[in-house]
Amino acid sequence: MFPTCLYSYSINDNDQYILTLLSSKLREKNFNVNTSLNFYGQSLDFSTKNEIQYSNLFIGILTGQGIELDRVVKEFRFAQSCGVPNLLMIEDTVNINPNFRGNYILFNRYNPQNAINEINRRMNPQPSRTTSVQTKKSSDLVPWVLGGVALLAILSALSSDKE
């Protein structure tokens, strides 16, 4: 059985093509891909919670033009609470709390190189001399290995679309 990736997004209509690209890249890595678009509202519905709990990877995408920012963040937090490997892409035009924690990457669609470098760094961390640090890094590495290539493809598509 193939692992399942659930992704949730808050993007405008002009950027919908990145969802097709994301799905394609994840399928290349043998993921079954689902999107989290069951019910919009203040609380997470049963179906969305169930899909998140049984996923092997959760990817959230937040762009400045998106209108479902709060829902995506709630789903991201729920994935964290369930121990589901998770990644969140946040465009640098989105206002986020400075104390926000988790596996996220800030990106600028006009200059994505810093985000690309950071994703590559997280996908291929330098070996550490401390065993406890290595263990922590190994668990933190899982979502980046699983979804990093897809994030790189999305950044490339978003930035080339704006040239």
N, C-alpha and C. Protein backbone atom coordinates (compact mmCIF):
# COMPACT_ATOMS: atom_id res chain seq x y z
N MET A 1 0.84 -1.18 0.00
CA MET A 1 0.00 0.00 0.00
C MET A 1 0.88 1.24 0.00
N PHE A 2 0.50 2.22 -0.79
CA PHE A 2 1.27 3.45 -0.92
C PHE A 2 0.96 4.39 0.24
N PRO A 3 1.96 5.20 0.66
CA PRO A 3 1.69 6.20 1.70
C PRO A 3 0.74 7.27 1.15
N THR A 4 0.08 7.95 2.06
CA THR A 4 -0.87 8.99 1.68
C THR A 4 -0.34 10.34 2.11
N CYS A 5 -0.46 11.30 1.19
CA CYS A 5 -0.13 12.68 1.50
C CYS A 5 -1.41 13.49 1.39
N LEU A 6 -1.69 14.28 2.40
CA LEU A 6 -2.82 15.19 2.39
C LEU A 6 -2.25 16.60 2.27
N TYR A 7 -2.81 17.39 1.37
CA TYR A 7 -2.37 18.78 1.34
C TYR A 7 -3.57 19.70 1.43
N SER A 8 -3.30 20.84 2.02
CA SER A 8 -4.31 21.85 2.24
C SER A 8 -3.72 23.17 1.77
N TYR A 9 -4.56 24.05 1.26
CA TYR A 9 -4.01 25.26 0.68
C TYR A 9 -4.93 26.45 0.84
N SER A 10 -4.30 27.60 0.79
CA SER A 10 -4.99 28.87 0.75
C SER A 10 -4.27 29.69 -0.31
N ILE A 11 -4.74 29.54 -1.54
CA ILE A 11 -4.13 30.23 -2.68
C ILE A 11 -5.22 30.83 -3.55
N ASN A 12 -4.84 31.78 -4.40
CA ASN A 12 -5.83 32.38 -5.28
C ASN A 12 -6.01 31.52 -6.53
N ASP A 13 -7.03 31.80 -7.30
CA ASP A 13 -7.36 31.00 -8.47
C ASP A 13 -6.23 30.95 -9.50
N ASN A 14 -5.47 32.03 -9.64
CA ASN A 14 -4.39 32.06 -10.62
C ASN A 14 -3.26 31.09 -10.29
N ASP A 15 -3.15 30.68 -9.04
CA ASP A 15 -2.07 29.78 -8.63
C ASP A 15 -2.53 28.33 -8.47
N GLN A 16 -3.74 28.02 -8.89
CA GLN A 16 -4.27 26.66 -8.73
C GLN A 16 -3.42 25.61 -9.44
N TYR A 17 -2.72 25.99 -10.50
CA TYR A 17 -1.89 25.03 -11.24
C TYR A 17 -0.82 24.39 -10.37
N ILE A 18 -0.38 25.07 -9.30
CA ILE A 18 0.66 24.47 -8.46
C ILE A 18 0.14 23.23 -7.75
N LEU A 19 -1.17 23.14 -7.57
CA LEU A 19 -1.73 21.95 -6.92
C LEU A 19 -1.57 20.73 -7.82
N THR A 20 -1.74 20.91 -9.12
CA THR A 20 -1.52 19.82 -10.07
C THR A 20 -0.05 19.40 -10.04
N LEU A 21 0.83 20.39 -10.01
CA LEU A 21 2.26 20.11 -9.96
C LEU A 21 2.61 19.37 -8.66
N LEU A 22 2.09 19.84 -7.55
CA LEU A 22 2.35 19.19 -6.26
C LEU A 22 1.88 17.74 -6.30
N SER A 23 0.67 17.50 -6.77
CA SER A 23 0.14 16.14 -6.85
C SER A 23 1.03 15.26 -7.73
N SER A 24 1.45 15.79 -8.84
CA SER A 24 2.29 15.04 -9.77
C SER A 24 3.62 14.64 -9.11
N LYS A 25 4.26 15.58 -8.46
CA LYS A 25 5.55 15.30 -7.82
C LYS A 25 5.40 14.28 -6.69
N LEU A 26 4.32 14.37 -5.93
CA LEU A 26 4.10 13.42 -4.85
C LEU A 26 3.77 12.02 -5.38
N ARG A 27 3.03 11.96 -6.48
CA ARG A 27 2.73 10.66 -7.10
C ARG A 27 4.00 10.02 -7.64
N GLU A 28 4.92 10.84 -8.13
CA GLU A 28 6.21 10.30 -8.58
C GLU A 28 6.94 9.61 -7.43
N LYS A 29 6.68 10.05 -6.21
CA LYS A 29 7.29 9.43 -5.02
C LYS A 29 6.38 8.35 -4.43
N ASN A 30 5.40 7.90 -5.22
CA ASN A 30 4.47 6.82 -4.85
C ASN A 30 3.51 7.17 -3.73
N PHE A 31 3.14 8.43 -3.61
CA PHE A 31 2.13 8.84 -2.65
C PHE A 31 0.75 8.79 -3.29
N ASN A 32 -0.25 8.35 -2.53
CA ASN A 32 -1.64 8.63 -2.87
C ASN A 32 -1.87 10.05 -2.37
N VAL A 33 -2.51 10.89 -3.16
CA VAL A 33 -2.63 12.30 -2.82
C VAL A 33 -4.10 12.66 -2.62
N ASN A 34 -4.39 13.33 -1.50
CA ASN A 34 -5.71 13.86 -1.19
C ASN A 34 -5.59 15.34 -0.88
N THR A 35 -6.66 16.08 -1.14
CA THR A 35 -6.68 17.48 -0.74
C THR A 35 -7.67 17.65 0.39
N SER A 36 -7.42 18.59 1.24
CA SER A 36 -8.29 18.87 2.37
C SER A 36 -9.23 20.01 2.00
N LEU A 37 -10.36 19.66 1.46
CA LEU A 37 -11.34 20.68 1.09
C LEU A 37 -12.74 20.22 1.43
N ASN A 38 -12.89 19.55 2.54
CA ASN A 38 -14.19 18.99 2.86
C ASN A 38 -15.21 20.05 3.23
N PHE A 39 -15.00 20.71 4.33
CA PHE A 39 -15.94 21.73 4.78
C PHE A 39 -15.14 22.92 5.29
N TYR A 40 -15.54 24.08 4.85
CA TYR A 40 -14.91 25.28 5.36
C TYR A 40 -15.66 25.71 6.62
N GLY A 41 -14.96 26.20 7.56
CA GLY A 41 -15.62 26.65 8.77
C GLY A 41 -14.62 26.90 9.87
N GLN A 42 -15.15 27.25 11.02
CA GLN A 42 -14.30 27.59 12.15
C GLN A 42 -13.62 26.38 12.78
N SER A 43 -14.28 25.23 12.75
CA SER A 43 -13.69 24.05 13.37
C SER A 43 -13.43 22.99 12.30
N LEU A 44 -12.50 22.10 12.60
CA LEU A 44 -12.19 21.04 11.66
C LEU A 44 -13.27 19.97 11.72
N ASP A 45 -13.77 19.55 10.57
CA ASP A 45 -14.81 18.54 10.54
C ASP A 45 -14.19 17.15 10.73
N PHE A 46 -15.05 16.19 11.02
CA PHE A 46 -14.63 14.82 11.29
C PHE A 46 -13.85 14.24 10.12
N SER A 47 -14.32 14.43 8.91
CA SER A 47 -13.68 13.87 7.73
C SER A 47 -12.27 14.40 7.55
N THR A 48 -12.10 15.71 7.71
CA THR A 48 -10.77 16.31 7.58
C THR A 48 -9.83 15.77 8.65
N LYS A 49 -10.31 15.71 9.89
CA LYS A 49 -9.48 15.18 10.98
C LYS A 49 -9.06 13.74 10.69
N ASN A 50 -10.00 12.95 10.20
CA ASN A 50 -9.73 11.56 9.89
C ASN A 50 -8.67 11.44 8.79
N GLU A 51 -8.81 12.25 7.73
CA GLU A 51 -7.83 12.21 6.65
C GLU A 51 -6.44 12.62 7.14
N ILE A 52 -6.39 13.62 7.99
CA ILE A 52 -5.09 14.06 8.51
C ILE A 52 -4.48 12.97 9.38
N GLN A 53 -5.25 12.40 10.29
CA GLN A 53 -4.74 11.39 11.21
C GLN A 53 -4.16 10.18 10.49
N TYR A 54 -4.73 9.81 9.37
CA TYR A 54 -4.29 8.62 8.66
C TYR A 54 -3.37 8.91 7.49
N SER A 55 -2.86 10.12 7.41
CA SER A 55 -1.91 10.49 6.36
C SER A 55 -0.49 10.19 6.81
N ASN A 56 0.38 10.01 5.85
CA ASN A 56 1.79 9.83 6.13
C ASN A 56 2.57 11.13 5.99
N LEU A 57 1.93 12.15 5.41
CA LEU A 57 2.55 13.46 5.24
C LEU A 57 1.44 14.49 5.05
N PHE A 58 1.60 15.65 5.69
CA PHE A 58 0.67 16.77 5.51
C PHE A 58 1.48 17.94 4.99
N ILE A 59 1.03 18.53 3.88
CA ILE A 59 1.66 19.74 3.34
C ILE A 59 0.61 20.84 3.28
N GLY A 60 0.94 21.98 3.85
CA GLY A 60 0.07 23.15 3.78
C GLY A 60 0.74 24.24 2.96
N ILE A 61 -0.06 24.99 2.22
CA ILE A 61 0.46 26.08 1.39
C ILE A 61 -0.34 27.34 1.69
N LEU A 62 0.36 28.40 2.09
CA LEU A 62 -0.26 29.68 2.38
C LEU A 62 0.34 30.75 1.47
N THR A 63 -0.52 31.41 0.69
CA THR A 63 -0.04 32.51 -0.13
C THR A 63 -0.78 33.78 0.29
N GLY A 64 -0.19 34.91 -0.04
CA GLY A 64 -0.73 36.20 0.36
C GLY A 64 -2.13 36.47 -0.16
N GLN A 65 -2.49 35.90 -1.28
CA GLN A 65 -3.80 36.13 -1.89
C GLN A 65 -4.85 35.12 -1.42
N GLY A 66 -4.45 34.11 -0.66
CA GLY A 66 -5.38 33.07 -0.23
C GLY A 66 -6.37 33.56 0.81
N ILE A 67 -7.53 32.92 0.85
CA ILE A 67 -8.57 33.36 1.78
C ILE A 67 -8.84 32.34 2.89
N GLU A 68 -8.18 31.21 2.88
CA GLU A 68 -8.41 30.18 3.88
C GLU A 68 -7.19 29.96 4.78
N LEU A 69 -6.49 31.02 5.11
CA LEU A 69 -5.27 30.92 5.90
C LEU A 69 -5.51 30.25 7.25
N ASP A 70 -6.52 30.68 7.97
CA ASP A 70 -6.78 30.14 9.30
C ASP A 70 -7.08 28.65 9.25
N ARG A 71 -7.87 28.22 8.26
CA ARG A 71 -8.21 26.81 8.14
C ARG A 71 -6.96 25.96 7.91
N VAL A 72 -6.09 26.42 7.02
CA VAL A 72 -4.88 25.66 6.72
C VAL A 72 -3.98 25.57 7.95
N VAL A 73 -3.84 26.65 8.69
CA VAL A 73 -3.02 26.64 9.90
C VAL A 73 -3.63 25.69 10.93
N LYS A 74 -4.94 25.68 11.09
CA LYS A 74 -5.58 24.75 12.02
C LYS A 74 -5.30 23.30 11.62
N GLU A 75 -5.38 23.02 10.33
CA GLU A 75 -5.10 21.66 9.86
C GLU A 75 -3.63 21.29 10.09
N PHE A 76 -2.75 22.24 9.86
CA PHE A 76 -1.32 22.03 10.11
C PHE A 76 -1.09 21.72 11.59
N ARG A 77 -1.70 22.50 12.46
CA ARG A 77 -1.56 22.27 13.91
C ARG A 77 -2.13 20.92 14.31
N PHE A 78 -3.24 20.53 13.70
CA PHE A 78 -3.83 19.23 14.01
C PHE A 78 -2.89 18.11 13.56
N ALA A 79 -2.29 18.24 12.39
CA ALA A 79 -1.31 17.25 11.92
C ALA A 79 -0.15 17.14 12.91
N GLN A 80 0.32 18.28 13.39
CA GLN A 80 1.39 18.28 14.39
C GLN A 80 0.96 17.52 15.64
N SER A 81 -0.25 17.79 16.12
CA SER A 81 -0.72 17.16 17.35
C SER A 81 -0.90 15.65 17.19
N CYS A 82 -1.11 15.20 15.96
CA CYS A 82 -1.28 13.76 15.69
C CYS A 82 0.05 13.07 15.39
N GLY A 83 1.12 13.84 15.32
CA GLY A 83 2.42 13.26 15.01
C GLY A 83 2.60 12.92 13.54
N VAL A 84 1.77 13.51 12.67
CA VAL A 84 1.89 13.30 11.23
C VAL A 84 3.01 14.19 10.71
N PRO A 85 4.00 13.64 9.98
CA PRO A 85 5.02 14.51 9.40
C PRO A 85 4.36 15.62 8.59
N ASN A 86 4.85 16.84 8.75
CA ASN A 86 4.16 17.98 8.16
C ASN A 86 5.12 19.04 7.69
N LEU A 87 4.68 19.77 6.68
CA LEU A 87 5.42 20.90 6.13
C LEU A 87 4.43 22.00 5.82
N LEU A 88 4.84 23.23 5.99
CA LEU A 88 4.00 24.36 5.67
C LEU A 88 4.82 25.35 4.86
N MET A 89 4.34 25.68 3.66
CA MET A 89 4.96 26.70 2.83
C MET A 89 4.21 28.00 3.07
N ILE A 90 4.92 29.05 3.43
CA ILE A 90 4.28 30.33 3.73
C ILE A 90 4.93 31.42 2.88
N GLU A 91 4.13 32.04 2.03
CA GLU A 91 4.64 33.15 1.24
C GLU A 91 4.98 34.30 2.18
N ASP A 92 6.03 35.01 1.88
CA ASP A 92 6.49 36.06 2.80
C ASP A 92 5.55 37.26 2.88
N THR A 93 4.50 37.28 2.09
CA THR A 93 3.50 38.35 2.19
C THR A 93 2.40 38.02 3.21
N VAL A 94 2.45 36.82 3.78
CA VAL A 94 1.46 36.40 4.78
C VAL A 94 1.96 36.83 6.16
N ASN A 95 1.10 37.50 6.92
CA ASN A 95 1.46 37.88 8.29
C ASN A 95 1.33 36.66 9.19
N ILE A 96 2.45 36.30 9.83
CA ILE A 96 2.42 35.19 10.77
C ILE A 96 2.95 35.67 12.11
N ASN A 97 2.52 34.99 13.14
CA ASN A 97 2.96 35.28 14.48
C ASN A 97 4.46 35.02 14.57
N PRO A 98 5.24 35.94 15.13
CA PRO A 98 6.69 35.73 15.22
C PRO A 98 7.05 34.50 16.08
N ASN A 99 6.14 34.03 16.90
CA ASN A 99 6.39 32.86 17.74
C ASN A 99 5.92 31.56 17.07
N PHE A 100 5.51 31.63 15.81
CA PHE A 100 5.03 30.45 15.08
C PHE A 100 6.14 29.40 15.02
N ARG A 101 5.79 28.16 15.36
CA ARG A 101 6.77 27.07 15.38
C ARG A 101 6.28 25.91 14.52
N GLY A 102 7.24 25.18 13.98
CA GLY A 102 6.92 23.99 13.21
C GLY A 102 7.80 23.87 11.99
N ASN A 103 7.54 22.87 11.18
CA ASN A 103 8.28 22.63 9.94
C ASN A 103 7.69 23.52 8.86
N TYR A 104 8.20 24.73 8.76
CA TYR A 104 7.69 25.62 7.73
C TYR A 104 8.85 26.27 7.00
N ILE A 105 8.52 26.76 5.82
CA ILE A 105 9.50 27.47 5.01
C ILE A 105 8.84 28.74 4.49
N LEU A 106 9.50 29.87 4.69
CA LEU A 106 9.03 31.13 4.11
C LEU A 106 9.60 31.23 2.71
N PHE A 107 8.78 31.69 1.77
CA PHE A 107 9.28 31.85 0.41
C PHE A 107 8.82 33.16 -0.19
N ASN A 108 9.63 33.63 -1.13
CA ASN A 108 9.30 34.82 -1.91
C ASN A 108 9.23 34.36 -3.36
N ARG A 109 8.07 34.48 -3.97
CA ARG A 109 7.91 33.95 -5.33
C ARG A 109 8.75 34.69 -6.36
N TYR A 110 9.15 35.92 -6.06
CA TYR A 110 9.98 36.68 -6.99
C TYR A 110 11.46 36.40 -6.83
N ASN A 111 11.83 35.88 -5.68
CA ASN A 111 13.22 35.53 -5.41
C ASN A 111 13.23 34.27 -4.54
N PRO A 112 13.00 33.11 -5.15
CA PRO A 112 12.83 31.88 -4.36
C PRO A 112 14.14 31.22 -3.93
N GLN A 113 15.28 31.74 -4.34
CA GLN A 113 16.54 31.03 -4.10
C GLN A 113 16.82 30.78 -2.62
N ASN A 114 16.52 31.73 -1.75
CA ASN A 114 16.76 31.50 -0.32
C ASN A 114 15.94 30.32 0.19
N ALA A 115 14.69 30.24 -0.21
CA ALA A 115 13.84 29.13 0.21
C ALA A 115 14.34 27.81 -0.39
N ILE A 116 14.75 27.83 -1.63
CA ILE A 116 15.28 26.62 -2.28
C ILE A 116 16.53 26.14 -1.53
N ASN A 117 17.41 27.06 -1.20
CA ASN A 117 18.61 26.69 -0.44
C ASN A 117 18.26 26.10 0.91
N GLU A 118 17.27 26.70 1.58
CA GLU A 118 16.86 26.21 2.90
C GLU A 118 16.24 24.82 2.80
N ILE A 119 15.40 24.58 1.81
CA ILE A 119 14.80 23.25 1.63
C ILE A 119 15.91 22.22 1.37
N ASN A 120 16.84 22.54 0.50
CA ASN A 120 17.95 21.62 0.23
C ASN A 120 18.77 21.35 1.49
N ARG A 121 19.00 22.39 2.28
CA ARG A 121 19.74 22.22 3.54
C ARG A 121 19.00 21.28 4.49
N ARG A 122 17.70 21.46 4.58
CA ARG A 122 16.91 20.62 5.49
C ARG A 122 16.77 19.19 4.98
N MET A 123 16.79 19.02 3.66
CA MET A 123 16.70 17.68 3.09
C MET A 123 18.03 16.92 3.27
N ASN A 124 19.13 17.65 3.35
CA ASN A 124 20.46 17.05 3.43
C ASN A 124 21.26 17.69 4.56
N PRO A 125 20.86 17.45 5.81
CA PRO A 125 21.57 18.11 6.92
C PRO A 125 23.00 17.59 7.07
N GLN A 126 23.85 18.45 7.60
CA GLN A 126 25.22 18.05 7.86
C GLN A 126 25.24 17.12 9.08
N PRO A 127 26.08 16.09 9.06
CA PRO A 127 26.16 15.18 10.21
C PRO A 127 26.57 15.94 11.47
N SER A 128 26.00 15.51 12.58
CA SER A 128 26.31 16.13 13.86
C SER A 128 27.16 15.18 14.68
N ARG A 129 27.97 15.72 15.54
CA ARG A 129 28.82 14.89 16.40
C ARG A 129 28.09 14.42 17.63
N THR A 130 27.00 15.08 17.99
CA THR A 130 26.25 14.73 19.19
C THR A 130 25.13 13.77 18.84
N THR A 131 25.10 12.61 19.50
CA THR A 131 24.11 11.58 19.19
C THR A 131 22.69 12.07 19.42
N SER A 132 22.44 12.77 20.53
CA SER A 132 21.07 13.22 20.81
C SER A 132 20.61 14.24 19.76
N VAL A 133 21.52 15.05 19.28
CA VAL A 133 21.17 16.01 18.25
C VAL A 133 20.88 15.27 16.94
N GLN A 134 21.66 14.22 16.63
CA GLN A 134 21.42 13.43 15.43
C GLN A 134 20.04 12.80 15.48
N THR A 135 19.64 12.26 16.61
CA THR A 135 18.32 11.64 16.74
C THR A 135 17.23 12.66 16.50
N LYS A 136 17.37 13.82 17.10
CA LYS A 136 16.37 14.86 16.89
C LYS A 136 16.33 15.26 15.42
N LYS A 137 17.48 15.44 14.81
CA LYS A 137 17.53 15.84 13.41
C LYS A 137 16.93 14.76 12.52
N SER A 138 17.11 13.49 12.86
CA SER A 138 16.55 12.40 12.05
C SER A 138 15.04 12.49 12.01
N SER A 139 14.40 12.73 13.15
CA SER A 139 12.94 12.82 13.16
C SER A 139 12.46 14.10 12.48
N ASP A 140 13.22 15.18 12.61
CA ASP A 140 12.85 16.42 11.94
C ASP A 140 13.06 16.33 10.43
N LEU A 141 13.92 15.44 10.01
CA LEU A 141 14.26 15.30 8.60
C LEU A 141 13.16 14.61 7.79
N VAL A 142 12.37 13.75 8.43
CA VAL A 142 11.38 12.94 7.71
C VAL A 142 10.48 13.75 6.79
N PRO A 143 9.80 14.80 7.25
CA PRO A 143 8.92 15.51 6.32
C PRO A 143 9.67 16.17 5.17
N TRP A 144 10.90 16.59 5.42
CA TRP A 144 11.66 17.26 4.36
C TRP A 144 12.08 16.27 3.29
N VAL A 145 12.45 15.06 3.70
CA VAL A 145 12.80 14.03 2.72
C VAL A 145 11.56 13.62 1.93
N LEU A 146 10.43 13.46 2.61
CA LEU A 146 9.20 13.03 1.95
C LEU A 146 8.64 14.08 1.00
N GLY A 147 8.66 15.35 1.41
CA GLY A 147 7.99 16.38 0.62
C GLY A 147 8.88 17.46 0.03
N GLY A 148 10.17 17.41 0.30
CA GLY A 148 11.06 18.48 -0.14
C GLY A 148 11.10 18.67 -1.64
N VAL A 149 11.14 17.59 -2.39
CA VAL A 149 11.21 17.70 -3.85
C VAL A 149 9.96 18.38 -4.39
N ALA A 150 8.80 18.06 -3.81
CA ALA A 150 7.55 18.69 -4.24
C ALA A 150 7.59 20.19 -3.94
N LEU A 151 8.11 20.57 -2.78
CA LEU A 151 8.19 22.00 -2.45
C LEU A 151 9.11 22.73 -3.41
N LEU A 152 10.21 22.10 -3.78
CA LEU A 152 11.13 22.73 -4.75
C LEU A 152 10.44 22.94 -6.09
N ALA A 153 9.65 21.98 -6.51
CA ALA A 153 8.93 22.11 -7.79
C ALA A 153 7.91 23.25 -7.73
N ILE A 154 7.22 23.38 -6.61
CA ILE A 154 6.24 24.45 -6.45
C ILE A 154 6.93 25.81 -6.50
N LEU A 155 8.04 25.96 -5.78
CA LEU A 155 8.76 27.24 -5.79
C LEU A 155 9.22 27.58 -7.19
N SER A 156 9.71 26.61 -7.90
CA SER A 156 10.15 26.84 -9.27
C SER A 156 9.00 27.31 -10.15
N ALA A 157 7.84 26.66 -10.03
CA ALA A 157 6.68 27.02 -10.83
C ALA A 157 6.18 28.41 -10.47
N LEU A 158 6.07 28.71 -9.19
CA LEU A 158 5.59 30.03 -8.77
C LEU A 158 6.52 31.15 -9.25
N SER A 159 7.81 30.91 -9.16
CA SER A 159 8.75 31.97 -9.54
C SER A 159 8.82 32.13 -11.06
N SER A 160 8.75 31.05 -11.81
CA SER A 160 8.83 31.18 -13.27
C SER A 160 7.56 31.80 -13.83
N ASP A 161 6.43 31.63 -13.14
CA ASP A 161 5.17 32.20 -13.58
C ASP A 161 5.20 33.72 -13.48
N LYS A 162 6.04 34.29 -12.64
CA LYS A 162 6.05 35.73 -12.39
C LYS A 162 7.12 36.46 -13.18
N GLU A 163 7.88 35.73 -13.98
CA GLU A 163 8.97 36.41 -14.72
C GLU A 163 8.46 37.15 -15.91
